[in-house]
Amino acid sequence: MCFAAVGCSAIRLLVSEGKTGKIYQLLVVTFFICSMITPLLQVSVDLPLDVEWLPQEMVTEQLTEKVTEQLAEQVKERVTAITEECLSYREAKAEKIVVKTNVSKEGNIYIEQVVIVVDKKQVPRVLGVRDVLEEQLGTTVSIRVGGENGEEVG
């Protein structure tokens, strides 16, 4: 690097100030910049890109658990939407729809029960929906009046 700086300075002193002097000056500056950049290009950075230090079992288990939770939540949302759709055909409306699910050790999601909480006035309309929902969902559908722990109808 020092040799390049001294050489460039010597050439600049020897070259005239005319048109060719400007060309030589441009060449000297280019050479000096290249001689400064060349050592930087030879630097290699060795970053360990191995992720072996991560406990793979733990990461896999956490990821599986998170995915299962999300799927269970989507199942609940979909069952709720199906229930609301069936109720709307009968012009009935639930105060609350509770979907109880269970996740097995293997990660299978089971719908244990669907509880439809309704007002007393809605009971006749909702009773006809129960059989349809039980057939569609393949699970028990309970209709309750007066809250989730209220009196079961039918």
N, C-alpha and C. Protein backbone atom coordinates (compact mmCIF):
# COMPACT_ATOMS: atom_id res chain seq x y z
N MET A 1 0.84 -1.18 0.00
CA MET A 1 0.00 0.00 0.00
C MET A 1 0.89 1.25 0.00
N CYS A 2 1.90 1.25 0.85
CA CYS A 2 2.82 2.40 0.91
C CYS A 2 3.58 2.56 -0.40
N PHE A 3 3.99 1.41 -0.98
CA PHE A 3 4.71 1.45 -2.25
C PHE A 3 3.82 2.06 -3.34
N ALA A 4 2.56 1.74 -3.35
CA ALA A 4 1.64 2.28 -4.34
C ALA A 4 1.48 3.78 -4.15
N ALA A 5 1.42 4.24 -2.92
CA ALA A 5 1.28 5.67 -2.65
C ALA A 5 2.51 6.45 -3.10
N VAL A 6 3.70 5.93 -2.81
CA VAL A 6 4.95 6.59 -3.22
C VAL A 6 5.06 6.59 -4.74
N GLY A 7 4.75 5.46 -5.38
CA GLY A 7 4.83 5.38 -6.84
C GLY A 7 3.88 6.35 -7.51
N CYS A 8 2.65 6.44 -7.00
CA CYS A 8 1.66 7.35 -7.58
C CYS A 8 2.10 8.80 -7.42
N SER A 9 2.69 9.14 -6.29
CA SER A 9 3.18 10.51 -6.07
C SER A 9 4.31 10.83 -7.01
N ALA A 10 5.24 9.88 -7.23
CA ALA A 10 6.38 10.10 -8.13
C ALA A 10 5.91 10.30 -9.56
N ILE A 11 4.96 9.50 -10.01
CA ILE A 11 4.46 9.64 -11.38
C ILE A 11 3.75 10.97 -11.55
N ARG A 12 3.05 11.41 -10.55
CA ARG A 12 2.34 12.69 -10.64
C ARG A 12 3.31 13.85 -10.78
N LEU A 13 4.45 13.77 -10.09
CA LEU A 13 5.46 14.83 -10.20
C LEU A 13 6.12 14.85 -11.58
N LEU A 14 6.27 13.67 -12.18
CA LEU A 14 6.96 13.57 -13.46
C LEU A 14 6.09 13.94 -14.65
N VAL A 15 4.79 13.87 -14.50
CA VAL A 15 3.88 14.10 -15.62
C VAL A 15 3.56 15.58 -15.74
N SER A 16 3.45 16.05 -16.99
CA SER A 16 3.18 17.47 -17.24
C SER A 16 1.71 17.79 -16.92
N GLU A 17 1.36 19.07 -16.98
CA GLU A 17 0.02 19.55 -16.65
C GLU A 17 -0.90 19.60 -17.86
N GLY A 18 -0.52 19.14 -19.01
CA GLY A 18 -1.33 19.22 -20.22
C GLY A 18 -2.43 18.18 -20.23
N LYS A 19 -2.97 17.95 -21.47
CA LYS A 19 -4.06 16.99 -21.63
C LYS A 19 -3.61 15.58 -21.28
N THR A 20 -2.42 15.20 -21.68
CA THR A 20 -1.93 13.87 -21.34
C THR A 20 -1.66 13.75 -19.85
N GLY A 21 -1.30 14.85 -19.22
CA GLY A 21 -1.06 14.85 -17.78
C GLY A 21 -2.33 14.54 -17.00
N LYS A 22 -3.46 15.06 -17.47
CA LYS A 22 -4.75 14.79 -16.82
C LYS A 22 -5.13 13.31 -16.97
N ILE A 23 -4.81 12.73 -18.14
CA ILE A 23 -5.11 11.31 -18.36
C ILE A 23 -4.25 10.46 -17.44
N TYR A 24 -2.94 10.81 -17.35
CA TYR A 24 -2.06 10.06 -16.45
C TYR A 24 -2.52 10.21 -14.99
N GLN A 25 -2.95 11.41 -14.65
CA GLN A 25 -3.42 11.66 -13.28
C GLN A 25 -4.66 10.79 -12.98
N LEU A 26 -5.57 10.68 -13.95
CA LEU A 26 -6.75 9.83 -13.79
C LEU A 26 -6.34 8.37 -13.63
N LEU A 27 -5.38 7.92 -14.43
CA LEU A 27 -4.90 6.55 -14.34
C LEU A 27 -4.23 6.27 -12.98
N VAL A 28 -3.47 7.24 -12.49
CA VAL A 28 -2.78 7.07 -11.20
C VAL A 28 -3.80 6.98 -10.07
N VAL A 29 -4.82 7.83 -10.09
CA VAL A 29 -5.85 7.79 -9.05
C VAL A 29 -6.60 6.46 -9.10
N THR A 30 -6.92 6.00 -10.29
CA THR A 30 -7.61 4.71 -10.45
C THR A 30 -6.75 3.57 -9.92
N PHE A 31 -5.44 3.60 -10.27
CA PHE A 31 -4.54 2.57 -9.78
C PHE A 31 -4.46 2.58 -8.25
N PHE A 32 -4.38 3.78 -7.68
CA PHE A 32 -4.27 3.89 -6.22
C PHE A 32 -5.54 3.38 -5.54
N ILE A 33 -6.71 3.71 -6.08
CA ILE A 33 -7.97 3.22 -5.50
C ILE A 33 -8.04 1.70 -5.59
N CYS A 34 -7.65 1.16 -6.75
CA CYS A 34 -7.67 -0.29 -6.92
C CYS A 34 -6.70 -0.97 -5.95
N SER A 35 -5.54 -0.36 -5.75
CA SER A 35 -4.58 -0.96 -4.82
C SER A 35 -5.07 -0.90 -3.37
N MET A 36 -5.95 0.04 -3.06
CA MET A 36 -6.52 0.11 -1.72
C MET A 36 -7.65 -0.91 -1.55
N ILE A 37 -8.43 -1.12 -2.61
CA ILE A 37 -9.57 -2.01 -2.52
C ILE A 37 -9.17 -3.48 -2.58
N THR A 38 -8.12 -3.81 -3.30
CA THR A 38 -7.72 -5.21 -3.49
C THR A 38 -7.53 -5.97 -2.18
N PRO A 39 -6.86 -5.45 -1.18
CA PRO A 39 -6.74 -6.21 0.07
C PRO A 39 -8.08 -6.46 0.76
N LEU A 40 -9.01 -5.53 0.60
CA LEU A 40 -10.32 -5.70 1.21
C LEU A 40 -11.11 -6.82 0.55
N LEU A 41 -10.91 -7.01 -0.75
CA LEU A 41 -11.61 -8.07 -1.46
C LEU A 41 -11.10 -9.46 -1.08
N GLN A 42 -9.87 -9.52 -0.60
CA GLN A 42 -9.29 -10.81 -0.23
C GLN A 42 -9.66 -11.25 1.18
N VAL A 43 -10.28 -10.37 1.92
CA VAL A 43 -10.71 -10.71 3.28
C VAL A 43 -11.90 -11.66 3.17
N SER A 44 -11.80 -12.76 3.86
CA SER A 44 -12.92 -13.69 3.88
C SER A 44 -13.49 -13.76 5.29
N VAL A 45 -14.77 -13.80 5.35
CA VAL A 45 -15.46 -13.86 6.63
C VAL A 45 -16.04 -15.26 6.76
N ASP A 46 -15.63 -15.94 7.79
CA ASP A 46 -16.14 -17.28 8.05
C ASP A 46 -17.16 -17.22 9.17
N LEU A 47 -18.42 -17.18 8.78
CA LEU A 47 -19.49 -17.19 9.77
C LEU A 47 -20.04 -18.60 9.87
N PRO A 48 -20.15 -19.11 11.07
CA PRO A 48 -20.73 -20.45 11.19
C PRO A 48 -22.24 -20.38 10.91
N LEU A 49 -22.65 -21.03 9.85
CA LEU A 49 -24.05 -21.03 9.48
C LEU A 49 -24.76 -22.28 9.97
N ASP A 50 -24.06 -23.07 10.76
CA ASP A 50 -24.67 -24.28 11.30
C ASP A 50 -25.66 -23.89 12.39
N VAL A 51 -26.78 -24.52 12.38
CA VAL A 51 -27.76 -24.29 13.44
C VAL A 51 -27.89 -25.54 14.30
N GLU A 52 -26.81 -26.29 14.34
CA GLU A 52 -26.81 -27.52 15.14
C GLU A 52 -26.90 -27.24 16.62
N TRP A 53 -26.52 -26.05 17.03
CA TRP A 53 -26.56 -25.71 18.44
C TRP A 53 -27.99 -25.55 18.95
N LEU A 54 -28.96 -25.43 18.04
CA LEU A 54 -30.36 -25.35 18.46
C LEU A 54 -30.86 -26.74 18.86
N PRO A 55 -31.54 -26.84 19.97
CA PRO A 55 -32.11 -28.14 20.35
C PRO A 55 -33.28 -28.48 19.43
N GLN A 56 -33.03 -29.33 18.46
CA GLN A 56 -33.99 -29.63 17.40
C GLN A 56 -35.30 -30.20 17.93
N GLU A 57 -35.20 -31.09 18.92
CA GLU A 57 -36.42 -31.68 19.46
C GLU A 57 -37.32 -30.62 20.08
N MET A 58 -36.69 -29.68 20.77
CA MET A 58 -37.45 -28.63 21.44
C MET A 58 -38.13 -27.73 20.41
N VAL A 59 -37.39 -27.36 19.37
CA VAL A 59 -37.95 -26.50 18.34
C VAL A 59 -39.10 -27.21 17.63
N THR A 60 -38.91 -28.47 17.29
CA THR A 60 -39.94 -29.24 16.60
C THR A 60 -41.18 -29.38 17.47
N GLU A 61 -40.98 -29.66 18.75
CA GLU A 61 -42.11 -29.83 19.67
C GLU A 61 -42.90 -28.53 19.82
N GLN A 62 -42.19 -27.42 19.97
CA GLN A 62 -42.87 -26.14 20.12
C GLN A 62 -43.62 -25.77 18.85
N LEU A 63 -43.01 -26.03 17.70
CA LEU A 63 -43.66 -25.72 16.43
C LEU A 63 -44.91 -26.57 16.24
N THR A 64 -44.80 -27.85 16.55
CA THR A 64 -45.95 -28.75 16.42
C THR A 64 -47.08 -28.32 17.34
N GLU A 65 -46.73 -27.94 18.56
CA GLU A 65 -47.74 -27.50 19.54
C GLU A 65 -48.44 -26.23 19.06
N LYS A 66 -47.68 -25.31 18.52
CA LYS A 66 -48.25 -24.05 18.04
C LYS A 66 -49.18 -24.29 16.84
N VAL A 67 -48.75 -25.13 15.92
CA VAL A 67 -49.58 -25.45 14.75
C VAL A 67 -50.87 -26.13 15.19
N THR A 68 -50.77 -27.06 16.14
CA THR A 68 -51.95 -27.76 16.63
C THR A 68 -52.93 -26.79 17.29
N GLU A 69 -52.41 -25.86 18.07
CA GLU A 69 -53.26 -24.83 18.70
C GLU A 69 -53.98 -24.01 17.65
N GLN A 70 -53.27 -23.61 16.62
CA GLN A 70 -53.87 -22.80 15.56
C GLN A 70 -54.94 -23.60 14.81
N LEU A 71 -54.65 -24.86 14.54
CA LEU A 71 -55.64 -25.70 13.86
C LEU A 71 -56.89 -25.89 14.71
N ALA A 72 -56.70 -26.12 16.01
CA ALA A 72 -57.84 -26.28 16.91
C ALA A 72 -58.69 -25.00 16.93
N GLU A 73 -58.04 -23.86 16.92
CA GLU A 73 -58.77 -22.59 16.90
C GLU A 73 -59.53 -22.42 15.59
N GLN A 74 -58.92 -22.82 14.48
CA GLN A 74 -59.61 -22.75 13.20
C GLN A 74 -60.80 -23.70 13.15
N VAL A 75 -60.66 -24.88 13.75
CA VAL A 75 -61.77 -25.82 13.80
C VAL A 75 -62.92 -25.21 14.58
N LYS A 76 -62.62 -24.59 15.72
CA LYS A 76 -63.66 -23.94 16.53
C LYS A 76 -64.36 -22.84 15.74
N GLU A 77 -63.57 -22.02 15.03
CA GLU A 77 -64.16 -20.93 14.25
C GLU A 77 -65.05 -21.48 13.13
N ARG A 78 -64.60 -22.54 12.47
CA ARG A 78 -65.37 -23.12 11.37
C ARG A 78 -66.67 -23.76 11.88
N VAL A 79 -66.60 -24.47 12.99
CA VAL A 79 -67.80 -25.09 13.57
C VAL A 79 -68.78 -24.00 14.01
N THR A 80 -68.27 -22.93 14.57
CA THR A 80 -69.13 -21.80 14.97
C THR A 80 -69.82 -21.21 13.74
N ALA A 81 -69.07 -21.05 12.65
CA ALA A 81 -69.65 -20.49 11.43
C ALA A 81 -70.71 -21.41 10.85
N ILE A 82 -70.48 -22.73 10.86
CA ILE A 82 -71.47 -23.69 10.37
C ILE A 82 -72.73 -23.63 11.22
N THR A 83 -72.54 -23.55 12.53
CA THR A 83 -73.68 -23.48 13.46
C THR A 83 -74.50 -22.21 13.21
N GLU A 84 -73.83 -21.09 13.07
CA GLU A 84 -74.53 -19.82 12.81
C GLU A 84 -75.28 -19.87 11.48
N GLU A 85 -74.68 -20.50 10.48
CA GLU A 85 -75.33 -20.62 9.18
C GLU A 85 -76.60 -21.47 9.28
N CYS A 86 -76.51 -22.60 9.98
CA CYS A 86 -77.69 -23.45 10.17
C CYS A 86 -78.79 -22.72 10.94
N LEU A 87 -78.39 -21.97 11.95
CA LEU A 87 -79.37 -21.21 12.72
C LEU A 87 -80.03 -20.13 11.87
N SER A 88 -79.27 -19.52 10.99
CA SER A 88 -79.84 -18.44 10.17
C SER A 88 -80.89 -18.98 9.20
N TYR A 89 -80.76 -20.25 8.76
CA TYR A 89 -81.78 -20.84 7.90
C TYR A 89 -83.12 -20.95 8.62
N ARG A 90 -83.08 -21.12 9.92
CA ARG A 90 -84.30 -21.22 10.74
C ARG A 90 -84.68 -19.86 11.33
N GLU A 91 -83.97 -18.83 10.91
CA GLU A 91 -84.17 -17.48 11.43
C GLU A 91 -84.03 -17.43 12.95
N ALA A 92 -83.05 -18.18 13.43
CA ALA A 92 -82.76 -18.20 14.87
C ALA A 92 -81.38 -17.60 15.10
N LYS A 93 -81.17 -17.14 16.31
CA LYS A 93 -79.88 -16.55 16.65
C LYS A 93 -79.47 -17.02 18.04
N ALA A 94 -78.23 -17.44 18.15
CA ALA A 94 -77.71 -17.90 19.44
C ALA A 94 -77.11 -16.74 20.20
N GLU A 95 -77.24 -16.79 21.51
CA GLU A 95 -76.57 -15.80 22.35
C GLU A 95 -75.07 -16.10 22.39
N LYS A 96 -74.79 -17.40 22.40
CA LYS A 96 -73.39 -17.82 22.49
C LYS A 96 -73.28 -19.23 21.92
N ILE A 97 -72.17 -19.50 21.23
CA ILE A 97 -71.88 -20.85 20.73
C ILE A 97 -70.52 -21.25 21.30
N VAL A 98 -70.53 -22.37 22.02
CA VAL A 98 -69.29 -22.85 22.64
C VAL A 98 -68.92 -24.17 21.97
N VAL A 99 -67.70 -24.23 21.44
CA VAL A 99 -67.21 -25.45 20.80
C VAL A 99 -66.10 -26.00 21.69
N LYS A 100 -66.32 -27.21 22.21
CA LYS A 100 -65.33 -27.85 23.07
C LYS A 100 -64.57 -28.87 22.25
N THR A 101 -63.24 -28.68 22.20
CA THR A 101 -62.40 -29.60 21.43
C THR A 101 -61.41 -30.29 22.35
N ASN A 102 -60.84 -31.35 21.83
CA ASN A 102 -59.82 -32.11 22.56
C ASN A 102 -58.72 -32.46 21.57
N VAL A 103 -57.47 -32.30 21.99
CA VAL A 103 -56.34 -32.65 21.14
C VAL A 103 -55.66 -33.87 21.75
N SER A 104 -55.55 -34.94 20.96
CA SER A 104 -54.94 -36.16 21.45
C SER A 104 -53.41 -36.02 21.47
N LYS A 105 -52.74 -36.98 22.07
CA LYS A 105 -51.28 -36.97 22.12
C LYS A 105 -50.67 -37.01 20.73
N GLU A 106 -51.38 -37.63 19.80
CA GLU A 106 -50.88 -37.74 18.43
C GLU A 106 -51.11 -36.44 17.64
N GLY A 107 -51.85 -35.51 18.23
CA GLY A 107 -52.12 -34.24 17.56
C GLY A 107 -53.44 -34.20 16.83
N ASN A 108 -54.27 -35.22 16.99
CA ASN A 108 -55.58 -35.24 16.35
C ASN A 108 -56.53 -34.33 17.13
N ILE A 109 -57.35 -33.59 16.40
CA ILE A 109 -58.29 -32.66 17.02
C ILE A 109 -59.69 -33.26 16.94
N TYR A 110 -60.34 -33.37 18.09
CA TYR A 110 -61.68 -33.94 18.16
C TYR A 110 -62.65 -32.89 18.68
N ILE A 111 -63.81 -32.81 18.05
CA ILE A 111 -64.86 -31.92 18.54
C ILE A 111 -65.66 -32.73 19.55
N GLU A 112 -65.56 -32.37 20.82
CA GLU A 112 -66.25 -33.12 21.87
C GLU A 112 -67.72 -32.76 21.95
N GLN A 113 -68.00 -31.45 21.87
CA GLN A 113 -69.38 -31.01 22.06
C GLN A 113 -69.54 -29.59 21.54
N VAL A 114 -70.74 -29.31 21.07
CA VAL A 114 -71.11 -27.95 20.68
C VAL A 114 -72.28 -27.55 21.57
N VAL A 115 -72.14 -26.42 22.25
CA VAL A 115 -73.20 -25.92 23.12
C VAL A 115 -73.73 -24.63 22.51
N ILE A 116 -75.04 -24.62 22.27
CA ILE A 116 -75.70 -23.43 21.73
C ILE A 116 -76.53 -22.84 22.85
N VAL A 117 -76.18 -21.63 23.25
CA VAL A 117 -76.92 -20.93 24.30
C VAL A 117 -77.91 -19.98 23.62
N VAL A 118 -79.20 -20.16 23.97
CA VAL A 118 -80.25 -19.36 23.33
C VAL A 118 -81.20 -18.77 24.36
N ASP A 119 -81.97 -17.83 23.89
CA ASP A 119 -83.06 -17.25 24.67
C ASP A 119 -84.25 -18.21 24.59
N LYS A 120 -85.13 -18.18 25.59
CA LYS A 120 -86.30 -19.08 25.61
C LYS A 120 -87.15 -18.96 24.35
N LYS A 121 -87.23 -17.77 23.80
CA LYS A 121 -88.06 -17.54 22.61
C LYS A 121 -87.50 -18.26 21.38
N GLN A 122 -86.21 -18.52 21.38
CA GLN A 122 -85.55 -19.12 20.22
C GLN A 122 -85.59 -20.65 20.23
N VAL A 123 -85.97 -21.25 21.36
CA VAL A 123 -85.91 -22.72 21.52
C VAL A 123 -86.62 -23.48 20.42
N PRO A 124 -87.87 -23.16 20.07
CA PRO A 124 -88.55 -23.95 19.03
C PRO A 124 -87.81 -23.93 17.68
N ARG A 125 -87.23 -22.82 17.34
CA ARG A 125 -86.51 -22.72 16.07
C ARG A 125 -85.20 -23.51 16.11
N VAL A 126 -84.55 -23.51 17.26
CA VAL A 126 -83.22 -24.12 17.38
C VAL A 126 -83.30 -25.64 17.49
N LEU A 127 -84.37 -26.17 18.02
CA LEU A 127 -84.49 -27.62 18.19
C LEU A 127 -84.36 -28.37 16.87
N GLY A 128 -84.91 -27.82 15.79
CA GLY A 128 -84.82 -28.46 14.49
C GLY A 128 -83.41 -28.43 13.92
N VAL A 129 -82.61 -27.51 14.37
CA VAL A 129 -81.24 -27.36 13.87
C VAL A 129 -80.31 -28.38 14.52
N ARG A 130 -80.63 -28.79 15.74
CA ARG A 130 -79.74 -29.69 16.48
C ARG A 130 -79.45 -30.97 15.70
N ASP A 131 -80.49 -31.62 15.19
CA ASP A 131 -80.29 -32.89 14.46
C ASP A 131 -79.41 -32.69 13.22
N VAL A 132 -79.66 -31.60 12.51
CA VAL A 132 -78.87 -31.31 11.30
C VAL A 132 -77.40 -31.10 11.67
N LEU A 133 -77.16 -30.33 12.73
CA LEU A 133 -75.78 -30.08 13.16
C LEU A 133 -75.09 -31.34 13.64
N GLU A 134 -75.80 -32.17 14.40
CA GLU A 134 -75.19 -33.41 14.88
C GLU A 134 -74.80 -34.30 13.71
N GLU A 135 -75.61 -34.30 12.67
CA GLU A 135 -75.30 -35.11 11.49
C GLU A 135 -74.11 -34.52 10.73
N GLN A 136 -74.08 -33.21 10.57
CA GLN A 136 -73.00 -32.56 9.83
C GLN A 136 -71.67 -32.62 10.57
N LEU A 137 -71.72 -32.38 11.88
CA LEU A 137 -70.49 -32.29 12.66
C LEU A 137 -70.04 -33.62 13.25
N GLY A 138 -70.96 -34.55 13.36
CA GLY A 138 -70.61 -35.86 13.93
C GLY A 138 -70.30 -35.80 15.41
N THR A 139 -70.96 -34.92 16.12
CA THR A 139 -70.74 -34.78 17.56
C THR A 139 -72.04 -34.36 18.24
N THR A 140 -72.01 -34.34 19.57
CA THR A 140 -73.17 -33.97 20.35
C THR A 140 -73.37 -32.46 20.32
N VAL A 141 -74.62 -32.05 20.11
CA VAL A 141 -74.97 -30.64 20.14
C VAL A 141 -75.99 -30.44 21.25
N SER A 142 -75.64 -29.58 22.21
CA SER A 142 -76.54 -29.28 23.33
C SER A 142 -77.12 -27.89 23.15
N ILE A 143 -78.39 -27.76 23.51
CA ILE A 143 -79.04 -26.46 23.48
C ILE A 143 -79.39 -26.10 24.91
N ARG A 144 -78.90 -24.95 25.34
CA ARG A 144 -79.10 -24.53 26.73
C ARG A 144 -79.78 -23.17 26.76
N VAL A 145 -80.62 -23.01 27.77
CA VAL A 145 -81.31 -21.74 28.00
C VAL A 145 -80.77 -21.15 29.30
N GLY A 146 -80.42 -19.90 29.28
CA GLY A 146 -79.96 -19.24 30.50
C GLY A 146 -78.48 -19.36 30.75
N GLY A 147 -77.68 -19.41 29.74
CA GLY A 147 -76.22 -19.44 29.91
C GLY A 147 -75.64 -20.80 29.60
N GLU A 148 -74.31 -20.86 29.57
CA GLU A 148 -73.60 -22.09 29.21
C GLU A 148 -73.87 -23.22 30.20
N ASN A 149 -74.08 -22.87 31.45
CA ASN A 149 -74.38 -23.88 32.48
C ASN A 149 -75.87 -23.92 32.79
N GLY A 150 -76.67 -23.32 31.95
CA GLY A 150 -78.11 -23.26 32.18
C GLY A 150 -78.80 -24.57 31.87
N GLU A 151 -80.11 -24.52 31.83
CA GLU A 151 -80.96 -25.68 31.63
C GLU A 151 -80.84 -26.18 30.20
N GLU A 152 -80.60 -27.49 30.06
CA GLU A 152 -80.52 -28.08 28.72
C GLU A 152 -81.93 -28.35 28.21
N VAL A 153 -82.12 -28.05 26.93
CA VAL A 153 -83.44 -28.21 26.32
C VAL A 153 -83.40 -29.40 25.39
N GLY A 154 -84.52 -30.17 25.38
CA GLY A 154 -84.69 -31.25 24.41
C GLY A 154 -83.98 -32.44 24.85
